Amino acid sequence: MANKKNPGGEMTVREAGRKGGQTVKERHGPDFFKEIGRKGGRATSAAHGHEFYQEIGRKGGMKGGARVRELIEKGKAADKAAGESSES
């Protein structure tokens, strides 16, 4: 798995992670990942509670929400401009 960008022949962190993930998948099967995801979700829920998920959802919505609104407005403006130019 030598990388052209890494002339020493060593793996990048990304390549090592991918190879490790593939090895785990071969040893334990794809359902293993589902189960450890569920366990992690239960542990996070038990440690932080419902409010934690509300807060991270709110933060995520705030960050992306402004950008989404901006894109919607640009799209509306473009539609309006296209409608006006086709009427001419």
Protein backbone atom coordinates (compact mmCIF):
# COMPACT_ATOMS: atom_id res chain seq x y z
CA MET A 1 0.00 0.00 0.00
CA ALA A 2 2.79 2.41 -0.73
CA ASN A 3 1.62 5.91 -1.45
CA LYS A 4 3.05 8.11 -4.22
CA LYS A 5 2.90 11.09 -1.87
CA ASN A 6 4.81 9.15 0.77
CA PRO A 7 8.03 8.06 -0.96
CA GLY A 8 9.36 6.19 2.08
CA GLY A 9 6.83 3.45 1.43
CA GLU A 10 5.13 3.95 4.79
CA MET A 11 1.36 4.03 5.04
CA THR A 12 -0.51 7.23 5.64
CA VAL A 13 -2.82 7.41 8.65
CA ARG A 14 -5.79 7.18 6.30
CA GLU A 15 -4.44 4.02 4.65
CA ALA A 16 -3.70 2.43 8.03
CA GLY A 17 -7.22 3.19 9.27
CA ARG A 18 -8.78 1.74 6.15
CA LYS A 19 -6.66 -1.40 6.36
CA GLY A 20 -7.50 -1.81 10.04
CA GLY A 21 -11.21 -1.40 9.34
CA GLN A 22 -11.07 -4.00 6.58
CA THR A 23 -9.29 -6.43 8.89
CA VAL A 24 -11.92 -5.99 11.61
CA LYS A 25 -14.68 -6.48 9.05
CA GLU A 26 -13.08 -9.72 7.83
CA ARG A 27 -12.62 -11.06 11.36
CA HIS A 28 -15.94 -10.04 12.91
CA GLY A 29 -18.29 -9.35 10.00
CA PRO A 30 -20.26 -6.21 9.12
CA ASP A 31 -22.81 -6.72 11.94
CA PHE A 32 -20.00 -6.12 14.43
CA PHE A 33 -19.93 -2.44 13.45
CA LYS A 34 -23.70 -2.14 13.97
CA GLU A 35 -23.42 -3.62 17.43
CA ILE A 36 -20.53 -1.43 18.59
CA GLY A 37 -22.41 1.60 17.21
CA ARG A 38 -25.47 0.67 19.27
CA LYS A 39 -23.34 0.16 22.37
CA GLY A 40 -21.69 3.53 21.88
CA GLY A 41 -25.05 5.22 21.37
CA ARG A 42 -26.46 3.66 24.54
CA ALA A 43 -23.38 4.66 26.53
CA THR A 44 -23.53 8.24 25.25
CA SER A 45 -27.24 8.44 26.03
CA ALA A 46 -26.72 7.11 29.54
CA ALA A 47 -23.81 9.47 30.20
CA HIS A 48 -25.31 12.65 28.76
CA GLY A 49 -29.08 12.26 28.60
CA HIS A 50 -31.74 13.59 26.26
CA GLU A 51 -30.72 17.23 26.66
CA PHE A 52 -27.30 16.49 25.15
CA TYR A 53 -28.88 15.33 21.89
CA GLN A 54 -31.18 18.36 21.83
CA GLU A 55 -28.22 20.68 22.26
CA ILE A 56 -26.04 19.12 19.57
CA GLY A 57 -29.03 19.09 17.22
CA ARG A 58 -29.63 22.77 17.89
CA LYS A 59 -25.95 23.60 17.30
CA GLY A 60 -25.89 21.64 14.07
CA GLY A 61 -29.02 23.36 12.85
CA MET A 62 -27.62 26.78 13.68
CA LYS A 63 -24.40 26.16 11.81
CA GLY A 64 -25.91 24.79 8.63
CA GLY A 65 -29.20 26.65 8.85
CA ALA A 66 -27.84 30.04 7.83
CA ARG A 67 -26.10 28.57 4.81
CA VAL A 68 -29.23 26.70 3.76
CA ARG A 69 -31.32 29.87 4.03
CA GLU A 70 -28.73 31.75 1.97
CA LEU A 71 -28.80 29.10 -0.77
CA ILE A 72 -32.60 29.08 -0.84
CA GLU A 73 -32.67 32.85 -1.27
CA LYS A 74 -30.10 32.66 -4.10
CA GLY A 75 -32.18 29.98 -5.79
CA LYS A 76 -35.35 32.07 -5.52
CA ALA A 77 -33.54 35.09 -6.92
CA ALA A 78 -32.17 33.03 -9.82
CA ASP A 79 -35.65 31.64 -10.57
CA LYS A 80 -37.10 35.13 -10.51
CA ALA A 81 -34.36 36.47 -12.82
CA ALA A 82 -34.82 33.54 -15.21
CA GLY A 83 -38.58 34.12 -15.25
CA GLU A 84 -38.14 37.80 -16.04
CA SER A 85 -35.63 37.17 -18.85
CA SER A 86 -37.87 34.56 -20.50
CA GLU A 87 -40.79 37.01 -20.53
CA SER A 88 -38.80 39.55 -22.56
